[in-house]
């Protein structure tokens, strides 16, 4: 059995200003693979913890949905590399949707 542990904490500046921890991480089991994503939020942005979570979720879910049990390590790497343009476009689209539903700017999240 595989165990996984992850830890993140607010930095001293965030504690002093009352800002939340803006890091995000997500694990997804996909057959024989465990896909992990992590993101460090942009500290100067008001809601970057939301943008960070969105980036991680869209990336991990994309990669996990494109893996198959018979892939070689090289093919898995290709999935990860080839997903970058899609992830970036999708992340920006989701940020735009999030900002418009909250009547705010995308710059508040990233």
Protein backbone atom coordinates (compact mmCIF):
# COMPACT_ATOMS: atom_id res chain seq x y z
CA UNK A 1 0.00 0.00 0.00
CA UNK A 2 1.27 3.44 -0.90
CA UNK A 3 0.97 6.24 1.63
CA UNK A 4 1.11 9.87 0.71
CA UNK A 5 1.67 12.86 2.90
CA UNK A 6 1.56 16.51 2.02
CA UNK A 7 1.80 19.62 4.11
CA UNK A 8 1.45 23.30 3.44
CA UNK A 9 1.18 26.26 5.74
CA UNK A 10 0.71 30.00 5.64
CA UNK A 11 3.91 31.98 5.53
CA UNK A 12 4.73 34.60 8.16
CA UNK A 13 3.63 37.47 5.89
CA UNK A 14 0.25 35.82 5.33
CA UNK A 15 -0.17 35.24 9.06
CA UNK A 16 0.64 38.88 9.84
CA UNK A 17 -1.75 40.22 7.18
CA UNK A 18 -4.48 37.64 7.83
CA UNK A 19 -4.26 36.31 4.27
CA UNK A 20 -5.01 32.62 3.66
CA UNK A 21 -2.48 30.05 2.53
CA UNK A 22 -2.55 30.34 -1.26
CA UNK A 23 -0.91 27.01 -2.03
CA UNK A 24 -2.94 24.22 -3.55
CA UNK A 25 -2.35 20.54 -4.20
CA UNK A 26 -4.37 17.61 -5.44
CA UNK A 27 -3.81 13.86 -5.78
CA UNK A 28 -5.79 11.66 -8.16
CA UNK A 29 -5.40 7.91 -8.47
CA UNK A 30 -5.65 6.77 -12.07
CA UNK A 31 -5.16 3.03 -12.38
CA UNK A 32 -1.54 2.30 -11.55
CA UNK A 33 -0.68 6.00 -11.52
CA UNK A 34 -1.05 8.69 -8.92
CA UNK A 35 -1.19 12.13 -10.47
CA UNK A 36 -0.09 15.00 -8.22
CA UNK A 37 -0.33 18.70 -8.87
CA UNK A 38 0.85 21.60 -6.78
CA UNK A 39 0.67 25.36 -7.12
CA UNK A 40 2.02 28.32 -5.22
CA UNK A 41 -0.52 31.14 -5.26
CA UNK A 42 0.45 34.66 -6.28
CA UNK A 43 0.76 36.43 -2.94
CA UNK A 44 0.07 39.87 -4.36
CA UNK A 45 -3.37 38.87 -5.68
CA UNK A 46 -6.42 39.13 -3.45
CA UNK A 47 -7.97 35.73 -4.29
CA UNK A 48 -4.99 33.83 -5.65
CA UNK A 49 -5.81 30.80 -3.49
CA UNK A 50 -8.85 30.29 -5.74
CA UNK A 51 -6.77 30.64 -8.90
CA UNK A 52 -4.19 28.24 -7.47
CA UNK A 53 -6.83 25.60 -6.68
CA UNK A 54 -8.36 26.01 -10.12
CA UNK A 55 -4.98 25.57 -11.85
CA UNK A 56 -4.19 22.41 -9.91
CA UNK A 57 -7.62 20.85 -10.36
CA UNK A 58 -7.79 21.47 -14.10
CA UNK A 59 -4.24 20.17 -14.62
CA UNK A 60 -4.56 17.01 -12.53
CA UNK A 61 -7.97 16.10 -13.93
CA UNK A 62 -6.79 16.62 -17.51
CA UNK A 63 -3.71 14.42 -17.08
CA UNK A 64 -5.61 11.73 -15.15
CA UNK A 65 -8.30 11.55 -17.84
CA UNK A 66 -5.71 11.01 -20.59
CA UNK A 67 -3.73 8.16 -18.99
CA UNK A 68 -4.22 4.50 -19.83
CA UNK A 69 -2.88 1.47 -17.98
CA UNK A 70 -0.70 0.33 -20.88
CA UNK A 71 1.25 3.59 -21.30
CA UNK A 72 5.01 3.65 -21.03
CA UNK A 73 6.77 6.23 -18.86
CA UNK A 74 7.64 8.16 -22.02
CA UNK A 75 4.00 8.24 -23.10
CA UNK A 76 2.94 9.49 -19.66
CA UNK A 77 5.51 12.29 -19.96
CA UNK A 78 4.11 13.13 -23.40
CA UNK A 79 0.61 13.46 -21.93
CA UNK A 80 1.91 15.82 -19.26
CA UNK A 81 3.92 17.93 -21.72
CA UNK A 82 1.24 18.08 -24.40
CA UNK A 83 -1.38 19.12 -21.87
CA UNK A 84 0.32 22.43 -21.06
CA UNK A 85 -1.29 24.56 -23.81
CA UNK A 86 -4.72 23.09 -23.02
CA UNK A 87 -4.30 23.57 -19.28
CA UNK A 88 -3.25 27.20 -19.70
CA UNK A 89 -6.17 28.00 -22.01
CA UNK A 90 -8.66 26.14 -19.81
CA UNK A 91 -7.36 27.75 -16.63
CA UNK A 92 -7.70 31.23 -18.12
CA UNK A 93 -11.21 30.42 -19.30
CA UNK A 94 -12.23 29.16 -15.86
CA UNK A 95 -10.67 32.23 -14.20
CA UNK A 96 -12.67 34.44 -16.55
CA UNK A 97 -15.87 32.61 -15.63
CA UNK A 98 -15.05 32.87 -11.92
CA UNK A 99 -14.31 36.58 -12.22
CA UNK A 100 -17.47 37.32 -14.22
CA UNK A 101 -19.74 35.51 -11.74
CA UNK A 102 -18.20 37.59 -8.96
CA UNK A 103 -18.14 40.83 -11.00
CA UNK A 104 -14.40 41.19 -10.52
CA UNK A 105 -11.17 41.10 -12.51
CA UNK A 106 -9.21 37.96 -13.42
CA UNK A 107 -6.16 39.75 -11.98
CA UNK A 108 -7.56 39.19 -8.48
CA UNK A 109 -7.05 35.43 -8.90
CA UNK A 110 -3.72 35.19 -10.72
